[in-house]
Amino acid sequence: RNPLAAAMYAVTLQRDSLAQAQLETALRDVHTMNKIMQSSLDYIHELLASLLDHNNVLSGGVDLELDKVAVHDDILAPVKSIIQMRKQHIRVSTTCDSSVVFVADRVRLKRTVLNLVSNAMRYTTEGFIEIGAKVEPSGTLFISVADSGPGIPRERLAHMFDPSVRIAELHQGVGIGMCLARQLARAMGGDIHFDPAYTSGVASGPGTKFTIRLPPSARQFKDASPPRLATPPAASKRVPHLAAPSLASLQPRAEACRVLLVDDEVVIRQLMARRLRQLGIVNIEHAENGEQAVKMAGENGAPFDLVIVDHYMPCTNGVMTGSETIKALRTCPGTARSVIIGSSGNDMSSEHLCSGADLFWRKPTPSNDKLAEDLVTLFRARMPSGSTCTPS
């Protein structure tokens, strides 16, 4: 997973660098190839994450992180973007009001939908894939995935969610992805249903339709305020610009920030340092494991303003996990009042936040605009402490 994360970092960095150059016409082909690489890496990342989730389910379940989800912008639009780039001759459409909000585990809900849509993509050679979502007055969320593929033979329906069924045995592929989709839906209190009466209307294929049904959580009716979107609307259609107000507000003190990057992968540290330098942050130090970071934080010298900590660091014989490192850093004079951000390819947000982190970034880290926005928010909250790295 580390090489994959490094590649995703590099692609994001390339995209932001091209945006900074403002050579849209001359670099149009490069931008197109970049989008293809990003979409492919996103797809591979989700497949690997699905395998990890499947393993977690088998070993005792998954810990859900409930939050307000903008169903179209957080779930349907990103899934469509990933699939459309890989299946350009198939019409992929979404039907969902932009105001639809539901309390759920954003990552697991997106993964559930992506597994269903990936199944449809794999076996639909012409026609369409349609993704729709709605919330009924009862508060129940319905997300449907319909396609114009070859369908599933009636004698195979009883095995469609069986993880032991080989994809090659069915006309419509149903393997670990379908099994995991149902496991995740049930972990969230819902289920997935197959519509035996559905017909696509396309002569080449009767099609298949699955519907995810999730009941409202206890939080659904307690907080009707709008969610914080995981990605801005139509983010896949624009290139972030480094002239964003959030980035400008880091100046002129960004160059005074003292930063510590803690990760066992040197490539990850180098790429992250380069991204921070794009934001004007240049005073960056490196630690290859938790033990080294704690030692550096305990030494005499200026305190660190920002620390970014990976979770698993076995490549350099590190024993401490990210959460253990964060907890120890909170007791060191050089990092007791630092902004600390946890980071991992796995969802370790609860562990890191409970250990004292101010924020958790799931690898790959967000775009420069979002990264700058998060840093401005965190540094502003630290202003009373006298930190040198605060917005002006």
Protein backbone atom coordinates (compact mmCIF):
# COMPACT_ATOMS: atom_id res chain seq x y z
CA ARG A 1 0.00 0.00 0.00
CA ASN A 2 2.89 2.40 0.61
CA PRO A 3 4.03 2.42 -3.06
CA LEU A 4 0.42 3.06 -4.06
CA ALA A 5 0.16 5.97 -1.64
CA ALA A 6 3.43 7.37 -2.97
CA ALA A 7 2.14 7.21 -6.55
CA MET A 8 -1.08 8.96 -5.54
CA TYR A 9 0.90 11.68 -3.79
CA ALA A 10 2.97 12.16 -6.94
CA VAL A 11 -0.07 12.44 -9.19
CA THR A 12 -1.70 15.00 -6.92
CA LEU A 13 1.53 16.97 -6.74
CA GLN A 14 1.85 16.95 -10.52
CA ARG A 15 -1.73 18.20 -10.89
CA ASP A 16 -1.18 21.08 -8.48
CA SER A 17 2.14 21.99 -10.12
CA LEU A 18 0.50 22.13 -13.55
CA ALA A 19 -2.25 24.33 -12.17
CA GLN A 20 0.34 26.68 -10.73
CA ALA A 21 2.03 26.98 -14.11
CA GLN A 22 -1.27 28.13 -15.69
CA LEU A 23 -0.45 26.62 -19.07
CA GLU A 24 -3.90 25.15 -19.64
CA THR A 25 -3.79 25.05 -23.45
CA ALA A 26 -0.28 23.69 -23.90
CA LEU A 27 -0.70 21.09 -21.16
CA ARG A 28 -4.22 19.89 -21.98
CA ASP A 29 -3.02 16.42 -22.95
CA VAL A 30 -0.94 16.17 -19.78
CA HIS A 31 -3.97 17.10 -17.68
CA THR A 32 -6.02 14.42 -19.44
CA MET A 33 -3.42 11.73 -18.78
CA ASN A 34 -3.17 12.91 -15.19
CA LYS A 35 -6.92 12.43 -14.74
CA ILE A 36 -6.64 8.90 -16.12
CA MET A 37 -3.80 8.04 -13.75
CA GLN A 38 -5.65 9.54 -10.79
CA SER A 39 -8.83 7.64 -11.62
CA SER A 40 -6.95 4.35 -12.02
CA LEU A 41 -5.06 4.79 -8.76
CA ASP A 42 -8.27 5.74 -6.95
CA TYR A 43 -9.85 2.54 -8.25
CA ILE A 44 -6.91 0.37 -7.16
CA HIS A 45 -6.87 2.09 -3.77
CA GLU A 46 -10.56 1.32 -3.24
CA LEU A 47 -10.06 -2.33 -4.26
CA LEU A 48 -7.27 -2.75 -1.72
CA ALA A 49 -9.31 -0.98 0.94
CA SER A 50 -12.22 -3.30 0.17
CA LEU A 51 -10.01 -6.33 0.80
CA LEU A 52 -8.97 -4.85 4.16
CA ASP A 53 -12.60 -4.19 5.07
CA HIS A 54 -13.52 -7.75 4.10
CA ASN A 55 -10.78 -9.05 6.38
CA ASN A 56 -11.97 -6.79 9.20
CA VAL A 57 -15.53 -8.06 8.83
CA LEU A 58 -14.36 -11.66 8.98
CA SER A 59 -12.25 -10.96 12.07
CA GLY A 60 -14.98 -9.31 14.10
CA GLY A 61 -16.50 -6.33 12.33
CA VAL A 62 -15.71 -2.75 11.37
CA ASP A 63 -15.80 0.41 13.46
CA LEU A 64 -18.15 2.90 11.82
CA GLU A 65 -17.38 6.62 11.70
CA LEU A 66 -20.76 8.35 11.41
CA ASP A 67 -20.91 11.78 9.85
CA LYS A 68 -23.26 13.89 7.75
CA VAL A 69 -22.88 12.86 4.12
CA ALA A 70 -23.93 14.86 1.07
CA VAL A 71 -25.02 11.80 -0.90
CA HIS A 72 -24.51 13.22 -4.39
CA ASP A 73 -21.27 15.14 -3.89
CA ASP A 74 -19.62 12.77 -1.38
CA ILE A 75 -20.75 9.41 -2.79
CA LEU A 76 -22.33 9.34 -6.23
CA ALA A 77 -20.18 11.95 -8.02
CA PRO A 78 -16.80 10.47 -6.93
CA VAL A 79 -17.92 6.95 -7.85
CA LYS A 80 -19.13 8.16 -11.25
CA SER A 81 -15.81 9.91 -11.84
CA ILE A 82 -13.81 6.76 -11.08
CA ILE A 83 -15.98 4.53 -13.28
CA GLN A 84 -16.51 6.90 -16.19
CA MET A 85 -12.79 7.25 -16.85
CA ARG A 86 -12.45 3.46 -17.06
CA LYS A 87 -15.59 2.81 -19.12
CA GLN A 88 -15.83 5.77 -21.48
CA HIS A 89 -18.08 4.05 -24.05
CA ILE A 90 -20.75 3.35 -21.41
CA ARG A 91 -23.15 6.10 -20.35
CA VAL A 92 -22.80 6.56 -16.58
CA SER A 93 -25.42 8.79 -14.99
CA THR A 94 -26.49 9.81 -11.50
CA THR A 95 -29.91 10.85 -10.24
CA CYS A 96 -29.94 12.48 -6.82
CA ASP A 97 -30.98 15.87 -5.49
CA SER A 98 -27.93 17.81 -4.31
CA SER A 99 -29.72 18.59 -1.04
CA VAL A 100 -29.95 14.93 0.03
CA VAL A 101 -28.02 14.49 3.30
CA PHE A 102 -27.72 11.29 5.32
CA VAL A 103 -25.82 10.33 8.47
CA ALA A 104 -23.58 7.37 7.68
CA ASP A 105 -20.00 6.18 7.46
CA ARG A 106 -18.93 8.15 4.38
CA VAL A 107 -16.00 5.88 3.48
CA ARG A 108 -17.92 2.61 3.88
CA LEU A 109 -21.02 3.91 2.08
CA LYS A 110 -18.91 5.05 -0.87
CA ARG A 111 -17.14 1.69 -0.87
CA THR A 112 -20.46 -0.17 -0.87
CA VAL A 113 -21.72 1.81 -3.86
CA LEU A 114 -18.40 1.49 -5.69
CA ASN A 115 -18.41 -2.30 -5.33
CA LEU A 116 -21.88 -2.49 -6.87
CA VAL A 117 -20.99 -0.08 -9.67
CA SER A 118 -17.67 -1.87 -10.32
CA ASN A 119 -19.60 -5.10 -10.73
CA ALA A 120 -21.90 -3.42 -13.24
CA MET A 121 -18.95 -1.86 -15.08
CA ARG A 122 -17.09 -5.15 -15.43
CA TYR A 123 -19.90 -6.89 -17.31
CA THR A 124 -21.72 -4.09 -19.14
CA THR A 125 -20.28 -3.86 -22.65
CA GLU A 126 -22.80 -1.39 -24.10
CA GLY A 127 -25.66 0.74 -22.87
CA PHE A 128 -25.61 2.36 -19.47
CA ILE A 129 -25.01 2.30 -15.74
CA GLU A 130 -27.43 4.39 -13.69
CA ILE A 131 -26.87 5.34 -10.03
CA GLY A 132 -29.78 6.88 -8.16
CA ALA A 133 -30.38 7.92 -4.57
CA LYS A 134 -33.25 9.26 -2.50
CA VAL A 135 -34.29 9.59 1.13
CA GLU A 136 -37.90 8.75 1.90
CA PRO A 137 -39.99 10.72 4.45
CA SER A 138 -39.27 7.95 6.97
CA GLY A 139 -35.59 8.88 6.75
CA THR A 140 -34.54 5.67 4.98
CA LEU A 141 -31.88 6.05 2.29
CA PHE A 142 -32.17 4.11 -0.97
CA ILE A 143 -29.28 3.96 -3.45
CA SER A 144 -29.88 1.96 -6.63
CA VAL A 145 -27.40 0.73 -9.23
CA ALA A 146 -28.92 -0.40 -12.52
CA ASP A 147 -27.17 -1.51 -15.71
CA SER A 148 -27.77 -2.93 -19.16
CA GLY A 149 -25.46 -5.91 -18.74
CA PRO A 150 -26.21 -9.58 -19.36
CA GLY A 151 -27.98 -10.10 -16.03
CA ILE A 152 -27.73 -13.00 -13.60
CA PRO A 153 -29.23 -16.42 -14.46
CA ARG A 154 -32.11 -17.37 -12.18
CA GLU A 155 -30.36 -20.53 -10.98
CA ARG A 156 -27.45 -18.42 -9.75
CA LEU A 157 -29.41 -15.88 -7.74
CA ALA A 158 -29.04 -17.81 -4.49
CA HIS A 159 -25.25 -17.48 -4.73
CA MET A 160 -24.92 -13.86 -5.86
CA PHE A 161 -23.45 -12.74 -2.49
CA ASP A 162 -21.38 -15.86 -1.89
CA PRO A 163 -17.66 -14.94 -1.66
CA SER A 164 -16.65 -18.41 -2.85
CA VAL A 165 -18.40 -18.02 -6.21
CA ARG A 166 -15.93 -17.38 -9.02
CA ILE A 167 -16.79 -14.49 -11.32
CA ALA A 168 -16.25 -16.68 -14.38
CA GLU A 169 -19.09 -18.94 -13.28
CA LEU A 170 -21.69 -16.20 -13.76
CA HIS A 171 -22.78 -14.06 -16.67
CA GLN A 172 -22.85 -11.08 -14.32
CA GLY A 173 -19.81 -10.95 -12.04
CA VAL A 174 -20.52 -11.35 -8.35
CA GLY A 175 -17.56 -12.19 -6.14
CA ILE A 176 -15.88 -10.67 -3.11
CA GLY A 177 -17.00 -7.18 -4.14
CA MET A 178 -20.68 -8.10 -3.94
CA CYS A 179 -20.10 -10.06 -0.75
CA LEU A 180 -18.34 -7.10 0.86
CA ALA A 181 -20.99 -4.66 -0.35
CA ARG A 182 -23.67 -6.61 1.52
CA GLN A 183 -21.43 -7.03 4.57
CA LEU A 184 -20.85 -3.27 4.77
CA ALA A 185 -24.51 -2.47 4.18
CA ARG A 186 -25.49 -4.80 7.01
CA ALA A 187 -22.76 -3.37 9.25
CA MET A 188 -24.46 0.00 8.76
CA GLY A 189 -27.83 -1.51 9.76
CA GLY A 190 -29.17 -1.97 6.23
CA ASP A 191 -29.02 -4.46 3.39
CA ILE A 192 -28.79 -4.86 -0.38
CA HIS A 193 -31.71 -6.13 -2.44
CA PHE A 194 -31.84 -7.57 -5.96
CA ASP A 195 -34.74 -6.52 -8.20
CA PRO A 196 -35.86 -9.64 -10.15
CA ALA A 197 -38.47 -7.66 -12.14
CA TYR A 198 -36.00 -5.14 -13.57
CA THR A 199 -35.39 -4.95 -17.31
CA SER A 200 -32.95 -2.52 -18.90
CA GLY A 201 -34.84 -1.98 -22.16
CA VAL A 202 -31.64 -2.65 -24.10
CA ALA A 203 -31.86 -5.53 -26.55
CA SER A 204 -28.32 -6.74 -25.91
CA GLY A 205 -28.81 -7.24 -22.19
CA PRO A 206 -31.69 -7.57 -19.71
CA GLY A 207 -29.59 -5.82 -17.08
CA THR A 208 -29.37 -6.01 -13.32
CA LYS A 209 -30.53 -3.71 -10.54
CA PHE A 210 -29.43 -3.70 -6.91
CA THR A 211 -30.69 -1.34 -4.22
CA ILE A 212 -28.93 -0.42 -1.00
CA ARG A 213 -31.36 0.31 1.83
CA LEU A 214 -30.08 2.05 4.96
CA PRO A 215 -32.36 3.01 7.87
CA PRO A 216 -31.83 6.39 9.55
CA SER A 217 -29.41 6.48 12.47
CA ALA A 218 -30.25 8.03 15.82
CA ARG A 219 -28.33 11.14 14.72
CA GLN A 220 -30.31 11.57 11.50
CA PHE A 221 -33.02 13.68 13.09
CA LYS A 222 -30.90 15.43 15.74
CA ASP A 223 -28.71 17.49 13.45
CA ALA A 224 -30.13 18.93 10.28
CA SER A 225 -27.25 21.32 9.61
CA PRO A 226 -25.48 20.91 6.26
CA PRO A 227 -22.49 18.55 6.10
CA ARG A 228 -18.89 19.43 5.49
CA LEU A 229 -18.31 18.04 2.04
CA ALA A 230 -15.49 15.58 1.56
CA THR A 231 -14.81 17.22 -1.81
CA PRO A 232 -16.15 20.45 -3.28
CA PRO A 233 -19.03 20.08 -5.78
CA ALA A 234 -17.79 19.25 -9.29
CA ALA A 235 -14.25 18.88 -7.94
CA SER A 236 -13.47 16.35 -10.65
CA LYS A 237 -14.11 19.01 -13.31
CA ARG A 238 -11.71 21.66 -12.05
CA VAL A 239 -8.03 21.98 -11.31
CA PRO A 240 -7.25 23.51 -7.88
CA HIS A 241 -5.54 26.89 -8.10
CA LEU A 242 -2.81 27.82 -5.66
CA ALA A 243 -4.08 31.40 -5.52
CA ALA A 244 -6.96 30.31 -3.26
CA PRO A 245 -7.70 32.69 -0.34
CA SER A 246 -7.01 29.91 2.17
CA LEU A 247 -3.45 29.60 0.89
CA ALA A 248 -2.85 33.34 0.87
CA SER A 249 -3.90 33.59 4.51
CA LEU A 250 -0.95 31.42 5.53
CA GLN A 251 1.42 34.21 4.54
CA PRO A 252 3.63 35.90 5.57
CA ARG A 253 4.45 33.62 8.51
CA ALA A 254 4.40 30.23 6.77
CA GLU A 255 8.13 30.37 6.20
CA ALA A 256 8.64 30.58 10.00
CA CYS A 257 6.85 27.28 10.65
CA ARG A 258 8.92 24.41 12.02
CA VAL A 259 7.51 21.12 10.76
CA LEU A 260 8.25 17.48 11.61
CA LEU A 261 7.24 14.72 9.19
CA VAL A 262 7.09 11.24 10.74
CA ASP A 263 6.85 8.37 8.23
CA ASP A 264 8.92 5.27 7.54
CA GLU A 265 8.64 5.77 3.76
CA VAL A 266 11.19 8.32 2.61
CA VAL A 267 9.29 8.91 -0.65
CA ILE A 268 6.15 9.83 1.26
CA ARG A 269 8.13 12.27 3.41
CA GLN A 270 9.79 13.84 0.38
CA LEU A 271 6.52 14.30 -1.49
CA MET A 272 4.78 15.73 1.55
CA ALA A 273 7.67 18.14 2.13
CA ARG A 274 7.43 19.28 -1.45
CA ARG A 275 3.71 19.95 -1.08
CA LEU A 276 4.30 21.97 2.07
CA ARG A 277 6.97 23.99 0.28
CA GLN A 278 4.37 24.86 -2.36
CA LEU A 279 2.43 26.46 0.49
CA GLY A 280 5.45 28.48 1.57
CA ILE A 281 6.45 26.19 4.46
CA VAL A 282 10.17 25.47 4.14
CA ASN A 283 11.54 24.64 7.62
CA ILE A 284 10.87 20.88 7.50
CA GLU A 285 12.57 18.08 9.46
CA HIS A 286 12.15 14.33 9.09
CA ALA A 287 11.78 11.34 11.44
CA GLU A 288 11.55 7.79 10.11
CA ASN A 289 9.67 6.32 13.08
CA GLY A 290 7.93 7.25 16.31
CA GLU A 291 10.93 6.66 18.50
CA GLN A 292 13.04 9.12 16.51
CA ALA A 293 10.23 11.70 16.51
CA VAL A 294 9.86 11.55 20.30
CA LYS A 295 13.62 11.94 20.70
CA MET A 296 13.66 15.00 18.42
CA ALA A 297 10.68 16.52 20.25
CA GLY A 298 12.44 16.07 23.61
CA GLU A 299 15.64 17.80 22.54
CA ASN A 300 16.30 21.45 23.36
CA GLY A 301 15.42 23.87 20.64
CA ALA A 302 12.49 25.68 19.11
CA PRO A 303 9.19 23.78 19.36
CA PHE A 304 7.58 22.29 16.30
CA ASP A 305 4.52 24.11 14.96
CA LEU A 306 3.24 21.18 12.91
CA VAL A 307 3.77 17.41 13.15
CA ILE A 308 2.36 14.92 10.61
CA VAL A 309 2.48 11.31 11.81
CA ASP A 310 2.00 8.04 9.90
CA HIS A 311 0.44 5.10 11.76
CA TYR A 312 2.28 1.91 10.73
CA MET A 313 6.05 2.40 10.50
CA PRO A 314 7.64 -1.08 10.29
CA CYS A 315 10.09 -0.36 7.47
CA THR A 316 12.65 1.24 9.82
CA ASN A 317 12.15 -1.18 12.72
CA GLY A 318 9.84 1.23 14.47
CA VAL A 319 7.86 -0.30 17.31
CA MET A 320 5.59 2.63 18.15
CA THR A 321 2.37 3.06 16.15
CA GLY A 322 1.13 6.46 15.09
CA SER A 323 -1.35 6.72 17.95
CA GLU A 324 1.36 5.77 20.47
CA THR A 325 3.69 8.34 18.91
CA ILE A 326 1.07 11.10 19.07
CA LYS A 327 0.32 10.33 22.72
CA ALA A 328 4.03 10.49 23.57
CA LEU A 329 4.55 13.71 21.58
CA ARG A 330 1.86 15.43 23.64
CA THR A 331 4.11 14.99 26.69
CA CYS A 332 7.28 16.35 25.02
CA PRO A 333 8.26 20.02 25.43
CA GLY A 334 8.83 20.46 21.70
CA THR A 335 5.42 19.15 20.61
CA ALA A 336 3.06 19.51 23.58
CA ARG A 337 1.26 22.45 21.93
CA SER A 338 2.01 21.60 18.30
CA VAL A 339 -0.63 21.05 15.66
CA ILE A 340 -0.49 17.27 15.21
CA ILE A 341 -2.09 15.55 12.22
CA GLY A 342 -2.38 11.77 12.00
CA SER A 343 -2.18 10.09 8.60
CA SER A 344 -2.67 6.56 7.32
CA GLY A 345 -4.01 4.57 4.40
CA ASN A 346 -6.29 2.86 6.94
CA ASP A 347 -9.03 4.65 8.83
CA MET A 348 -7.23 5.32 12.12
CA SER A 349 -9.05 8.58 12.83
CA SER A 350 -10.54 7.48 16.16
CA GLU A 351 -7.23 6.13 17.46
CA HIS A 352 -5.27 9.22 16.43
CA LEU A 353 -7.80 11.78 17.65
CA CYS A 354 -8.18 10.01 21.00
CA SER A 355 -4.39 10.02 21.36
CA GLY A 356 -4.22 13.79 20.97
CA ALA A 357 -4.16 14.52 17.24
CA ASP A 358 -5.92 17.66 16.03
CA LEU A 359 -6.91 16.15 12.70
CA PHE A 360 -6.63 12.94 10.68
CA TRP A 361 -5.83 12.77 6.98
CA ARG A 362 -6.49 9.52 5.20
CA LYS A 363 -3.79 8.88 2.62
CA PRO A 364 -3.49 10.20 0.02
CA THR A 365 -3.67 13.66 1.58
CA PRO A 366 -6.10 16.19 0.07
CA SER A 367 -5.34 18.71 -2.66
CA ASN A 368 -3.30 21.81 -1.91
CA ASP A 369 -6.41 23.95 -1.53
CA LYS A 370 -7.94 21.63 1.06
CA LEU A 371 -4.58 21.05 2.74
CA ALA A 372 -4.08 24.81 3.11
CA GLU A 373 -7.65 25.25 4.38
CA ASP A 374 -7.10 22.63 7.09
CA LEU A 375 -3.78 24.13 8.16
CA VAL A 376 -5.20 27.66 8.33
CA THR A 377 -8.05 26.42 10.53
CA LEU A 378 -5.72 24.52 12.86
CA PHE A 379 -3.10 27.28 13.10
CA ARG A 380 -5.77 29.87 13.78
CA ALA A 381 -6.99 27.75 16.69
CA ARG A 382 -3.40 27.72 18.02
CA MET A 383 -2.91 31.50 17.84
CA PRO A 384 -3.23 32.09 21.62
CA SER A 385 -0.27 29.76 22.18
CA GLY A 386 2.05 32.14 20.38
CA SER A 387 2.86 29.80 17.54
CA THR A 388 4.94 31.36 14.81
CA CYS A 389 3.02 29.55 12.11
CA THR A 390 -0.29 31.37 12.26
CA PRO A 391 -2.30 33.15 9.58
CA SER A 392 -1.92 36.88 9.33
